[in-house]
Amino acid sequence: MSDIEIARAASIRPITEIAGRLGIPGSALVPYGHTKAKVGLDFIESLQDRPDGRLILVTAITPTPAGEGKTTTSVGLVDGMNRIGKNTMVCLREPSLGPCFGMKGGAAGGGYAQVVPMEDINLHFTGDFHAITSAHSLLSALIDNHVYWGNQAGLDTRRIGWRRVVDMNDRALRQITNSLGGVANGYPREDGFDITVASEVMAIFCLARNARDLEERLGKVVIGYTRDREPVRADAVMGPGPMTVLLKDAIAPNLVQTLENNPAFVHGGPFANIAHGCNSVIATRAAMKMADYVVTEAGFGADLGAEKFFDIKCRQAGLSPDAVVLVATIRALKMHGGVGKDALGAENVEAVRAGCVNLVRHIENIRSFGLPVVVAINQFSADTAAERAAVRELCDSQGVKAIDANHWAEGGKGTTELARAVADMADSGTADFTTTYPDEMPLWEKIEAVATKIYRAEGISADQKTRNQIADLQNGGFGHLPICIAKTQYSFSTDPTQKGAPTGHTLGVREVRLSAGAGFVVVVCGDIMTMPGLPREPAANRIRINDAGEVEGLF
């Protein structure tokens, strides 16, 4: 059966029953039908004196078109841990409509390791992304309205940095000119759109500790500069109050369940290649108060999602992970070993060994954060015993366990061995978490630290304009912030064709963008775009309503 057919056939329990297992009373739920609900912030605040459960991160090798399966593994691992008697919850990001209708077609897991209701989660869900888009758009409107009615804040319209957003891949909106058509429409200026998941409002939403922190962070957003190059913040156009009103319901985490009826928070969704790639702090911290073990994921490969999870989310939220699961597939390792997509079905042990250089690089990086790691081999039917043995042999040489995981076909039953290993590792007390760089390190040196330590670049480069941007931020009092590098997810370098574990490259910095409310500086590298485009044959071409009124094409 397809993913959507499996999800449709699932025996979904009432969400009140799932909440009851976590000790959440009905009065703390805001139901969205019978299978999903928001958990009230008052109840979450009441949990603060409880001890924290263990925090486990699921990340992956560098992604390829062959697939890796972080979300599927996260869900399968949680089902496996509950099967062996470990009270475990999963925290995931919400899917963006852009990739759902673009390349991926859905992001709620797959096979027998999914969160449900899959169709709702992949489409409008509880409306969180629409609320974030609306809050961002409100600030955009307030900025232009402020300029129209006299510009008391003294915004230089040439230096307004707040772009617009929409939750769809639309390359035509990357660069626009707005306010055309005469005096009544305002002052014409250059503008542009990003995808909603790249919005600073999304980042703030996911990093805020509570509603008060959310509003305070929104007030710190730098929307542009005066002619004297002094920053102008969102509170100058009275943005934070009404924006928070638009987000007041969305900020409460969404409770759903896995196919095996285990609890899941799905909340927030910044991309990891253009943002920080983690679900909300509110959801993660709440889960850690209600479960003994919490499994969460970070987007794309460990060089992007995991690095930002550690250096941004954990730093800001005061989290200290206990263990890491690094997902790899035989198919992806073959691609890193030089095999084309059309030849992945044939056994090729040497290509697997060659591709393992990528796996080793990620193992080394995770260990540099002081964390124990286990490798999950996400199985495909074409994998051979010899190929899997080659991965285990390589991992043995690194002092790391590699464990087969067959959750796609078997659900939690296919991850019980992995679950025992992860629980033991999380309970071992061997984690000694650290970050890539200290807060006080200058911005340029922070970029250099990630480039050389994580990407293994020889160094970084930038033109004089970008160097001046970085110097201005450093001198303007923002040098203490962590950095969020936006680059291709397909390589350690900025060249997506460079598979494996390239060295000798230079990280080219194209521009920097201040996200003062989120509390980091975005460093845009290479050809990465903060507004993706649709591929030649988008997933939207396959998505439709059938004669029975059911959605088809999500997978």
Protein backbone atom coordinates (compact mmCIF):
# COMPACT_ATOMS: atom_id res chain seq x y z
CA MET A 1 0.00 0.00 0.00
CA SER A 2 1.06 3.62 -0.49
CA ASP A 3 1.78 5.90 2.46
CA ILE A 4 -1.57 7.61 2.16
CA GLU A 5 -3.42 4.28 1.93
CA ILE A 6 -1.65 3.04 5.07
CA ALA A 7 -2.52 6.26 6.88
CA ARG A 8 -6.13 6.08 5.73
CA ALA A 9 -6.45 2.50 7.03
CA ALA A 10 -4.99 3.34 10.45
CA SER A 11 -6.91 2.82 13.67
CA ILE A 12 -6.69 6.36 15.04
CA ARG A 13 -7.61 6.80 18.70
CA PRO A 14 -9.52 9.86 19.95
CA ILE A 15 -7.04 12.60 20.74
CA THR A 16 -8.50 12.89 24.25
CA GLU A 17 -7.31 9.33 24.89
CA ILE A 18 -3.77 10.13 23.71
CA ALA A 19 -3.77 13.26 25.88
CA GLY A 20 -4.99 11.27 28.88
CA ARG A 21 -1.93 9.00 28.65
CA LEU A 22 0.22 12.12 29.05
CA GLY A 23 -1.82 13.40 31.97
CA ILE A 24 -3.32 16.24 29.94
CA PRO A 25 -6.88 16.96 31.14
CA GLY A 26 -9.66 17.61 28.69
CA SER A 27 -9.90 21.20 29.92
CA ALA A 28 -6.36 21.83 28.61
CA LEU A 29 -7.20 20.69 25.07
CA VAL A 30 -8.50 22.74 22.18
CA PRO A 31 -9.72 19.98 19.83
CA TYR A 32 -9.53 20.29 16.05
CA GLY A 33 -11.92 17.45 15.31
CA HIS A 34 -11.41 14.08 17.00
CA THR A 35 -7.80 13.34 16.00
CA LYS A 36 -5.80 16.50 16.69
CA ALA A 37 -5.78 19.19 19.35
CA LYS A 38 -3.78 22.06 20.72
CA VAL A 39 -2.51 21.87 24.30
CA GLY A 40 -3.14 25.04 26.28
CA LEU A 41 -0.17 27.13 27.39
CA ASP A 42 -1.54 27.46 30.94
CA PHE A 43 -1.27 23.69 31.36
CA ILE A 44 2.22 23.68 29.85
CA GLU A 45 3.30 26.42 32.26
CA SER A 46 2.06 24.25 35.15
CA LEU A 47 4.59 21.54 34.22
CA GLN A 48 7.70 23.63 34.83
CA ASP A 49 8.61 22.05 38.19
CA ARG A 50 8.66 18.53 36.77
CA PRO A 51 12.03 16.92 35.94
CA ASP A 52 13.10 16.73 32.30
CA GLY A 53 13.13 13.51 30.29
CA ARG A 54 16.04 12.45 28.08
CA LEU A 55 16.41 14.36 24.79
CA ILE A 56 17.36 12.38 21.68
CA LEU A 57 18.11 14.01 18.33
CA VAL A 58 17.57 12.21 15.02
CA THR A 59 19.67 13.58 12.18
CA ALA A 60 21.10 12.16 8.95
CA ILE A 61 23.91 11.96 6.46
CA THR A 62 23.98 14.49 3.61
CA PRO A 63 20.71 14.09 1.70
CA THR A 64 20.49 12.65 -1.79
CA PRO A 65 17.60 11.97 -4.19
CA ALA A 66 17.77 8.37 -2.94
CA GLY A 67 16.26 9.38 0.40
CA GLU A 68 17.37 9.06 4.03
CA GLY A 69 14.20 9.09 6.14
CA LYS A 70 14.73 11.15 9.31
CA THR A 71 11.05 11.69 10.02
CA THR A 72 10.21 8.06 9.32
CA THR A 73 13.04 6.94 11.59
CA SER A 74 12.01 9.38 14.34
CA VAL A 75 8.47 8.02 14.32
CA GLY A 76 9.59 4.39 14.06
CA LEU A 77 12.06 4.87 16.91
CA VAL A 78 9.37 6.31 19.19
CA ASP A 79 7.07 3.40 18.40
CA GLY A 80 9.92 0.97 19.07
CA MET A 81 10.83 2.62 22.39
CA ASN A 82 7.23 2.47 23.57
CA ARG A 83 7.11 -1.20 22.56
CA ILE A 84 10.01 -1.95 24.93
CA GLY A 85 8.29 -0.10 27.76
CA LYS A 86 9.94 3.31 27.48
CA ASN A 87 7.54 6.26 27.90
CA THR A 88 8.56 8.16 24.76
CA MET A 89 7.14 11.05 22.74
CA VAL A 90 8.18 12.49 19.37
CA CYS A 91 8.45 16.20 18.47
CA LEU A 92 8.42 17.03 14.76
CA ARG A 93 8.12 20.04 12.49
CA GLU A 94 5.00 20.87 10.51
CA PRO A 95 5.28 20.39 6.73
CA SER A 96 5.32 23.43 4.46
CA LEU A 97 2.89 23.56 1.56
CA GLY A 98 5.79 24.62 -0.68
CA PRO A 99 7.63 21.28 -0.71
CA CYS A 100 4.39 19.30 -0.31
CA PHE A 101 3.33 20.60 -3.72
CA GLY A 102 6.89 20.97 -4.96
CA MET A 103 9.39 18.12 -4.61
CA LYS A 104 8.53 16.04 -1.53
CA GLY A 105 4.77 15.59 -1.66
CA GLY A 106 4.41 15.31 2.13
CA ALA A 107 6.40 15.14 5.36
CA ALA A 108 4.61 13.07 7.98
CA GLY A 109 6.79 9.96 7.81
CA GLY A 110 6.16 6.98 5.59
CA GLY A 111 5.11 3.35 5.41
CA TYR A 112 4.18 2.05 8.86
CA ALA A 113 6.07 4.85 10.63
CA GLN A 114 3.84 7.88 10.23
CA VAL A 115 2.11 10.55 12.26
CA VAL A 116 -1.60 10.86 11.60
CA PRO A 117 -3.96 12.28 10.40
CA MET A 118 -1.42 12.43 7.56
CA GLU A 119 -3.54 14.40 5.09
CA ASP A 120 -4.41 17.11 7.62
CA ILE A 121 -0.81 17.44 8.83
CA ASN A 122 0.49 17.82 5.27
CA LEU A 123 -2.13 20.36 4.24
CA HIS A 124 -3.64 23.12 6.41
CA PHE A 125 -3.40 21.21 9.73
CA THR A 126 -4.44 23.62 12.54
CA GLY A 127 -3.65 26.76 10.57
CA ASP A 128 -0.33 27.60 12.26
CA PHE A 129 1.51 28.41 9.03
CA HIS A 130 -1.35 30.61 7.86
CA ALA A 131 -1.21 32.48 11.16
CA ILE A 132 2.55 32.96 10.81
CA THR A 133 2.14 34.15 7.21
CA SER A 134 -0.59 36.57 8.31
CA ALA A 135 1.46 37.95 11.21
CA HIS A 136 4.45 38.47 8.91
CA SER A 137 2.22 40.09 6.27
CA LEU A 138 0.66 42.38 8.86
CA LEU A 139 4.09 43.75 9.72
CA SER A 140 4.81 44.23 6.00
CA ALA A 141 1.58 46.22 5.65
CA LEU A 142 2.28 48.27 8.78
CA ILE A 143 5.73 49.23 7.48
CA ASP A 144 4.47 50.58 4.16
CA ASN A 145 1.51 52.22 5.88
CA HIS A 146 3.87 53.93 8.34
CA VAL A 147 5.92 55.35 5.48
CA TYR A 148 2.76 56.45 3.65
CA TRP A 149 1.45 58.41 6.65
CA GLY A 150 4.55 60.47 7.31
CA ASN A 151 7.31 58.01 8.29
CA GLN A 152 7.76 59.23 11.85
CA ALA A 153 10.38 56.53 12.48
CA GLY A 154 12.52 57.95 9.68
CA LEU A 155 12.80 54.67 7.73
CA ASP A 156 15.01 54.94 4.68
CA THR A 157 12.87 53.21 2.04
CA ARG A 158 16.06 52.04 0.33
CA ARG A 159 17.04 50.17 3.48
CA ILE A 160 13.81 48.40 4.45
CA GLY A 161 14.93 44.82 5.01
CA TRP A 162 11.59 43.23 5.90
CA ARG A 163 10.49 41.12 2.92
CA ARG A 164 7.10 39.51 2.36
CA VAL A 165 6.29 35.79 2.63
CA VAL A 166 3.96 33.14 1.23
CA ASP A 167 3.89 29.41 2.03
CA MET A 168 4.45 28.23 -1.52
CA ASN A 169 7.40 27.80 -3.89
CA ASP A 170 7.09 30.74 -6.29
CA ARG A 171 10.31 31.92 -7.94
CA ALA A 172 8.48 34.79 -9.71
CA LEU A 173 8.13 36.57 -6.36
CA ARG A 174 11.79 36.53 -5.36
CA GLN A 175 12.28 40.13 -6.46
CA ILE A 176 9.40 42.55 -7.02
CA THR A 177 8.61 46.26 -7.13
CA ASN A 178 5.62 47.28 -5.02
CA SER A 179 3.40 50.35 -4.53
CA LEU A 180 3.13 51.10 -8.24
CA GLY A 181 0.11 52.89 -9.68
CA GLY A 182 0.27 56.39 -8.28
CA VAL A 183 0.42 58.41 -5.09
CA ALA A 184 -2.57 56.69 -3.48
CA ASN A 185 -0.68 53.37 -3.47
CA GLY A 186 2.34 54.57 -1.51
CA TYR A 187 6.02 54.94 -2.28
CA PRO A 188 7.35 52.53 -4.94
CA ARG A 189 10.30 50.45 -3.76
CA GLU A 190 12.05 47.17 -4.45
CA ASP A 191 10.81 44.27 -2.37
CA GLY A 192 10.59 40.48 -2.51
CA PHE A 193 9.08 37.34 -1.07
CA ASP A 194 10.57 34.49 0.93
CA ILE A 195 8.80 31.24 1.70
CA THR A 196 7.01 31.31 5.07
CA VAL A 197 9.38 28.78 6.63
CA ALA A 198 12.23 31.26 6.07
CA SER A 199 10.34 34.06 7.85
CA GLU A 200 11.86 35.51 10.98
CA VAL A 201 8.38 35.21 12.50
CA MET A 202 8.66 31.43 11.99
CA ALA A 203 12.05 31.42 13.70
CA ILE A 204 10.73 33.51 16.59
CA PHE A 205 7.66 31.27 16.86
CA CYS A 206 9.88 28.21 17.19
CA LEU A 207 12.43 29.72 19.60
CA ALA A 208 10.07 31.59 21.95
CA ARG A 209 9.69 30.05 25.41
CA ASN A 210 6.14 31.36 25.94
CA ALA A 211 3.65 33.97 24.67
CA ARG A 212 5.38 36.79 26.57
CA ASP A 213 8.73 35.92 25.08
CA LEU A 214 7.07 35.72 21.66
CA GLU A 215 5.82 39.31 21.85
CA GLU A 216 9.13 40.60 23.22
CA ARG A 217 11.04 38.94 20.38
CA LEU A 218 8.64 40.34 17.77
CA GLY A 219 9.33 43.82 19.15
CA LYS A 220 13.08 43.34 18.61
CA VAL A 221 12.75 42.58 14.88
CA VAL A 222 14.83 45.04 12.85
CA ILE A 223 12.66 46.06 9.89
CA GLY A 224 15.12 48.50 8.33
CA TYR A 225 17.40 51.46 8.92
CA THR A 226 17.26 55.24 8.93
CA ARG A 227 19.36 57.38 6.59
CA ASP A 228 21.88 57.54 9.43
CA ARG A 229 21.85 53.72 9.41
CA GLU A 230 20.27 53.41 12.81
CA PRO A 231 18.13 50.26 13.19
CA VAL A 232 14.34 50.64 13.26
CA ARG A 233 12.47 47.87 15.07
CA ALA A 234 8.99 46.44 14.67
CA ASP A 235 7.74 48.18 17.79
CA ALA A 236 8.29 51.53 16.01
CA VAL A 237 5.35 50.67 13.71
CA MET A 238 3.27 49.13 16.55
CA GLY A 239 3.70 45.61 15.15
CA PRO A 240 4.27 43.23 18.11
CA GLY A 241 0.85 43.54 19.78
CA PRO A 242 -1.38 42.74 16.81
CA MET A 243 1.10 40.16 15.47
CA THR A 244 0.94 38.31 18.79
CA VAL A 245 -2.86 38.37 18.61
CA LEU A 246 -2.67 36.61 15.24
CA LEU A 247 -0.32 34.00 16.77
CA LYS A 248 -2.07 33.51 20.13
CA ASP A 249 -3.70 30.20 19.15
CA ALA A 250 -0.93 28.98 16.87
CA ILE A 251 1.72 29.18 19.62
CA ALA A 252 0.08 26.30 21.51
CA PRO A 253 1.62 22.97 20.37
CA ASN A 254 -0.33 20.49 18.26
CA LEU A 255 -0.92 17.00 19.67
CA VAL A 256 -1.41 14.10 17.26
CA GLN A 257 -0.38 10.42 17.27
CA THR A 258 1.67 7.83 15.43
CA LEU A 259 0.16 4.88 13.60
CA GLU A 260 0.78 2.89 16.79
CA ASN A 261 -1.11 5.49 18.81
CA ASN A 262 1.89 7.02 20.56
CA PRO A 263 1.83 10.77 21.29
CA ALA A 264 3.43 13.29 18.96
CA PHE A 265 3.83 17.07 19.02
CA VAL A 266 3.98 18.55 15.51
CA HIS A 267 4.64 22.27 15.84
CA GLY A 268 6.53 24.90 13.84
CA GLY A 269 8.58 24.27 10.75
CA PRO A 270 11.62 26.32 9.71
CA PHE A 271 13.73 24.78 6.92
CA ALA A 272 17.28 23.79 7.84
CA ASN A 273 18.95 24.92 4.62
CA ILE A 274 17.60 28.49 4.90
CA ALA A 275 16.60 28.66 8.58
CA HIS A 276 17.36 26.72 11.78
CA GLY A 277 15.39 23.55 11.00
CA CYS A 278 13.86 22.58 14.37
CA ASN A 279 10.37 22.25 15.84
CA SER A 280 9.26 24.70 18.54
CA VAL A 281 11.02 25.08 21.87
CA ILE A 282 7.61 25.16 23.57
CA ALA A 283 6.72 21.73 22.20
CA THR A 284 10.11 20.19 22.97
CA ARG A 285 10.25 21.46 26.54
CA ALA A 286 6.63 20.46 27.21
CA ALA A 287 7.28 16.95 25.87
CA MET A 288 10.34 16.62 28.12
CA LYS A 289 8.09 17.32 31.13
CA MET A 290 5.53 14.68 30.10
CA ALA A 291 7.68 11.81 28.78
CA ASP A 292 10.79 10.00 30.00
CA TYR A 293 12.35 10.18 26.53
CA VAL A 294 11.75 12.73 23.78
CA VAL A 295 12.81 12.11 20.19
CA THR A 296 13.10 15.11 17.91
CA GLU A 297 14.61 15.70 14.48
CA ALA A 298 16.56 18.43 12.76
CA GLY A 299 16.21 19.05 9.05
CA PHE A 300 18.47 17.79 6.26
CA GLY A 301 21.98 16.51 7.05
CA ALA A 302 23.74 16.86 10.39
CA ASP A 303 25.98 19.63 9.00
CA LEU A 304 22.89 21.84 8.72
CA GLY A 305 20.01 20.71 10.94
CA ALA A 306 22.01 19.18 13.79
CA GLU A 307 24.55 22.02 13.89
CA LYS A 308 21.75 24.58 14.13
CA PHE A 309 19.85 22.47 16.66
CA PHE A 310 22.95 22.49 18.87
CA ASP A 311 24.31 25.98 18.21
CA ILE A 312 20.99 27.86 18.04
CA LYS A 313 18.08 25.96 19.60
CA CYS A 314 19.93 24.26 22.45
CA ARG A 315 21.95 27.40 23.17
CA GLN A 316 18.87 29.62 23.38
CA ALA A 317 16.57 27.15 25.14
CA GLY A 318 19.10 25.78 27.59
CA LEU A 319 18.71 22.24 26.28
CA SER A 320 21.35 19.54 26.67
CA PRO A 321 20.82 16.49 24.43
CA ASP A 322 21.59 13.00 25.71
CA ALA A 323 22.07 11.06 22.48
CA VAL A 324 22.04 11.32 18.69
CA VAL A 325 20.73 8.91 16.04
CA LEU A 326 22.40 9.34 12.66
CA VAL A 327 20.25 7.97 9.82
CA ALA A 328 21.81 6.50 6.69
CA THR A 329 20.55 4.41 3.82
CA ILE A 330 22.50 2.04 1.63
CA ARG A 331 21.06 3.82 -1.41
CA ALA A 332 22.28 7.24 -0.29
CA LEU A 333 25.72 5.90 0.61
CA LYS A 334 26.00 4.44 -2.89
CA MET A 335 25.22 7.84 -4.37
CA HIS A 336 27.92 9.42 -2.19
CA GLY A 337 30.16 6.66 -3.51
CA GLY A 338 29.55 7.74 -7.10
CA VAL A 339 26.62 5.54 -8.20
CA GLY A 340 23.89 7.12 -10.33
CA LYS A 341 20.26 7.02 -9.26
CA ASP A 342 19.36 4.53 -12.01
CA ALA A 343 21.90 1.95 -10.71
CA LEU A 344 21.04 1.96 -7.01
CA GLY A 345 19.20 -1.36 -7.13
CA ALA A 346 22.32 -3.40 -7.92
CA GLU A 347 24.61 -4.61 -5.15
CA ASN A 348 27.76 -2.48 -4.95
CA VAL A 349 29.69 -2.98 -1.73
CA GLU A 350 32.66 -0.91 -2.89
CA ALA A 351 30.44 2.08 -3.62
CA VAL A 352 28.91 1.74 -0.15
CA ARG A 353 32.40 1.76 1.39
CA ALA A 354 33.38 4.78 -0.71
CA GLY A 355 30.21 6.63 0.28
CA CYS A 356 30.82 5.96 3.96
CA VAL A 357 33.28 8.88 3.99
CA ASN A 358 30.18 11.05 4.29
CA LEU A 359 28.90 8.98 7.19
CA VAL A 360 32.25 9.18 8.99
CA ARG A 361 32.37 12.96 8.56
CA HIS A 362 28.98 13.30 10.25
CA ILE A 363 29.97 10.92 13.06
CA GLU A 364 33.07 13.02 13.74
CA ASN A 365 31.01 16.22 13.72
CA ILE A 366 28.43 14.91 16.16
CA ARG A 367 31.15 13.73 18.51
CA SER A 368 32.68 17.21 18.37
CA PHE A 369 29.57 18.37 20.25
CA GLY A 370 30.37 15.90 23.03
CA LEU A 371 27.49 13.57 22.25
CA PRO A 372 27.25 9.78 21.84
CA VAL A 373 25.89 8.60 18.48
CA VAL A 374 24.38 5.45 16.99
CA VAL A 375 23.84 4.87 13.27
CA ALA A 376 20.42 3.71 12.08
CA ILE A 377 20.52 1.92 8.72
CA ASN A 378 17.10 2.75 7.31
CA GLN A 379 16.40 -0.36 5.27
CA PHE A 380 15.19 -0.60 1.68
CA SER A 381 14.13 -3.88 0.08
CA ALA A 382 17.03 -3.84 -2.40
CA ASP A 383 19.70 -3.60 0.34
CA THR A 384 21.90 -6.67 0.60
CA ALA A 385 23.44 -8.29 3.66
CA ALA A 386 26.94 -7.61 2.31
CA GLU A 387 26.20 -3.91 1.88
CA ARG A 388 24.81 -3.56 5.39
CA ALA A 389 27.78 -5.51 6.76
CA ALA A 390 30.12 -3.02 5.08
CA VAL A 391 28.44 -0.15 6.94
CA ARG A 392 28.60 -2.00 10.27
CA GLU A 393 32.29 -2.76 9.69
CA LEU A 394 33.01 0.89 9.00
CA CYS A 395 31.08 2.01 12.07
CA ASP A 396 32.86 -0.57 14.23
CA SER A 397 36.16 1.00 13.17
CA GLN A 398 34.80 4.32 14.50
CA GLY A 399 33.62 2.78 17.77
CA VAL A 400 29.97 3.34 16.80
CA LYS A 401 27.10 0.86 16.56
CA ALA A 402 25.21 0.57 13.26
CA ILE A 403 21.81 -1.04 13.66
CA ASP A 404 19.35 -2.13 10.97
CA ALA A 405 15.95 -0.41 11.22
CA ASN A 406 12.97 -1.70 9.30
CA HIS A 407 10.30 0.65 10.59
CA TRP A 408 8.97 1.56 7.13
CA ALA A 409 7.76 -2.01 6.63
CA GLU A 410 7.24 -3.13 10.25
CA GLY A 411 6.62 0.00 12.32
CA GLY A 412 7.89 -0.12 15.91
CA LYS A 413 8.58 -3.86 15.65
CA GLY A 414 11.33 -3.03 13.16
CA THR A 415 13.17 -0.69 15.55
CA THR A 416 13.21 -2.53 18.89
CA GLU A 417 16.94 -3.27 18.67
CA LEU A 418 17.63 0.37 17.79
CA ALA A 419 15.30 1.50 20.59
CA ARG A 420 17.19 -0.51 23.24
CA ALA A 421 20.53 0.86 22.05
CA VAL A 422 19.25 4.45 22.04
CA ALA A 423 17.68 4.16 25.49
CA ASP A 424 20.90 2.68 26.89
CA MET A 425 22.97 5.41 25.28
CA ALA A 426 20.69 8.20 26.54
CA ASP A 427 20.78 6.72 30.06
CA SER A 428 24.55 6.21 30.05
CA GLY A 429 25.41 9.74 31.15
CA THR A 430 28.22 9.93 28.61
CA ALA A 431 26.92 13.11 26.94
CA ASP A 432 29.09 16.16 27.60
CA PHE A 433 27.39 18.72 25.40
CA THR A 434 29.25 21.70 23.98
CA THR A 435 28.75 24.08 21.06
CA THR A 436 30.87 24.96 18.04
CA TYR A 437 31.76 28.44 19.29
CA PRO A 438 31.26 30.67 22.35
CA ASP A 439 28.85 33.62 22.36
CA GLU A 440 31.65 36.16 22.64
CA MET A 441 33.43 35.03 19.46
CA PRO A 442 33.10 37.68 16.68
CA LEU A 443 30.64 36.95 13.86
CA TRP A 444 33.31 36.50 11.18
CA GLU A 445 35.13 33.97 13.34
CA LYS A 446 31.86 32.12 14.09
CA ILE A 447 31.23 31.70 10.35
CA GLU A 448 34.81 30.53 9.96
CA ALA A 449 34.42 28.07 12.85
CA VAL A 450 31.38 26.36 11.31
CA ALA A 451 32.96 26.38 7.85
CA THR A 452 36.22 24.81 8.97
CA LYS A 453 35.07 22.55 11.82
CA ILE A 454 31.77 21.28 10.39
CA TYR A 455 32.07 21.70 6.60
CA ARG A 456 35.87 21.13 6.54
CA ALA A 457 36.34 24.16 4.30
CA GLU A 458 39.77 25.75 4.09
CA GLY A 459 38.24 29.10 4.92
CA ILE A 460 35.55 31.61 4.04
CA SER A 461 35.32 34.43 1.52
CA ALA A 462 33.10 37.46 1.00
CA ASP A 463 33.15 40.61 -1.10
CA GLN A 464 33.75 43.97 0.54
CA LYS A 465 30.04 44.83 0.71
CA THR A 466 29.31 41.65 2.68
CA ARG A 467 32.35 42.14 4.90
CA ASN A 468 31.05 45.62 5.68
CA GLN A 469 27.63 44.15 6.55
CA ILE A 470 29.24 41.75 8.99
CA ALA A 471 31.40 44.50 10.50
CA ASP A 472 28.34 46.76 10.89
CA LEU A 473 26.45 44.02 12.75
CA GLN A 474 29.46 43.31 14.94
CA ASN A 475 29.91 46.98 15.78
CA GLY A 476 26.16 47.47 16.20
CA GLY A 477 26.00 45.16 19.21
CA PHE A 478 24.91 41.95 17.49
CA GLY A 479 28.24 40.13 17.59
CA HIS A 480 27.14 37.93 20.49
CA LEU A 481 24.42 36.24 18.40
CA PRO A 482 24.81 32.74 16.94
CA ILE A 483 24.89 32.34 13.17
CA CYS A 484 22.44 30.48 10.93
CA ILE A 485 24.10 29.49 7.67
CA ALA A 486 21.83 29.21 4.62
CA LYS A 487 23.41 26.93 2.04
CA THR A 488 22.69 23.92 -0.11
CA GLN A 489 21.71 20.79 1.81
CA TYR A 490 23.23 18.47 -0.79
CA SER A 491 26.91 18.89 0.07
CA PHE A 492 29.28 19.91 2.82
CA SER A 493 30.39 22.57 0.33
CA THR A 494 28.28 25.20 -1.43
CA ASP A 495 28.40 23.10 -4.62
CA PRO A 496 25.49 20.62 -4.56
CA THR A 497 27.27 18.28 -6.97
CA GLN A 498 30.13 17.63 -4.51
CA LYS A 499 29.04 14.41 -2.77
CA GLY A 500 30.90 12.42 -0.15
CA ALA A 501 33.17 14.45 2.14
CA PRO A 502 34.79 17.22 0.07
CA THR A 503 37.74 19.19 1.40
CA GLY A 504 39.76 22.11 0.09
CA HIS A 505 36.70 24.19 -0.71
CA THR A 506 35.91 27.76 0.38
CA LEU A 507 32.62 28.85 1.91
CA GLY A 508 31.52 31.86 -0.11
CA VAL A 509 29.33 34.24 1.91
CA ARG A 510 26.94 36.17 -0.36
CA GLU A 511 25.11 38.30 2.21
CA VAL A 512 24.07 38.43 5.85
CA ARG A 513 20.63 39.18 7.29
CA LEU A 514 19.97 40.16 10.87
CA SER A 515 17.21 38.26 12.69
CA ALA A 516 17.39 40.19 15.95
CA GLY A 517 14.04 38.92 17.22
CA ALA A 518 14.93 35.30 16.57
CA GLY A 519 18.35 35.97 18.05
CA PHE A 520 20.67 34.95 15.23
CA VAL A 521 22.36 36.24 12.08
CA VAL A 522 21.50 34.52 8.79
CA VAL A 523 24.56 33.94 6.61
CA VAL A 524 23.55 33.31 2.99
CA CYS A 525 26.10 31.24 1.07
CA GLY A 526 26.47 30.06 -2.51
CA ASP A 527 23.37 30.02 -4.71
CA ILE A 528 20.86 29.14 -1.97
CA MET A 529 17.49 30.88 -2.33
CA THR A 530 15.14 31.81 0.52
CA MET A 531 12.26 31.46 -1.95
CA PRO A 532 12.47 28.07 -3.70
CA GLY A 533 11.02 27.39 -7.13
CA LEU A 534 8.96 24.45 -8.34
CA PRO A 535 10.72 21.64 -10.24
CA ARG A 536 9.91 20.78 -13.86
CA GLU A 537 7.39 18.17 -12.65
CA PRO A 538 6.11 19.33 -9.24
CA ALA A 539 4.42 16.97 -6.82
CA ALA A 540 1.30 19.09 -7.34
CA ASN A 541 0.87 17.35 -10.70
CA ARG A 542 0.02 14.12 -8.85
CA ILE A 543 -2.16 15.53 -6.07
CA ARG A 544 -5.92 15.45 -6.60
CA ILE A 545 -9.30 14.47 -5.14
CA ASN A 546 -10.53 11.07 -6.39
CA ASP A 547 -14.11 10.06 -7.10
CA ALA A 548 -14.56 8.99 -3.47
CA GLY A 549 -13.65 12.50 -2.30
CA GLU A 550 -10.26 11.36 -0.96
CA VAL A 551 -6.88 13.06 -1.41
CA GLU A 552 -4.44 11.22 -3.65
CA GLY A 553 -0.81 11.97 -4.44
CA LEU A 554 0.52 12.89 -0.99
CA PHE A 555 3.28 10.46 -0.03
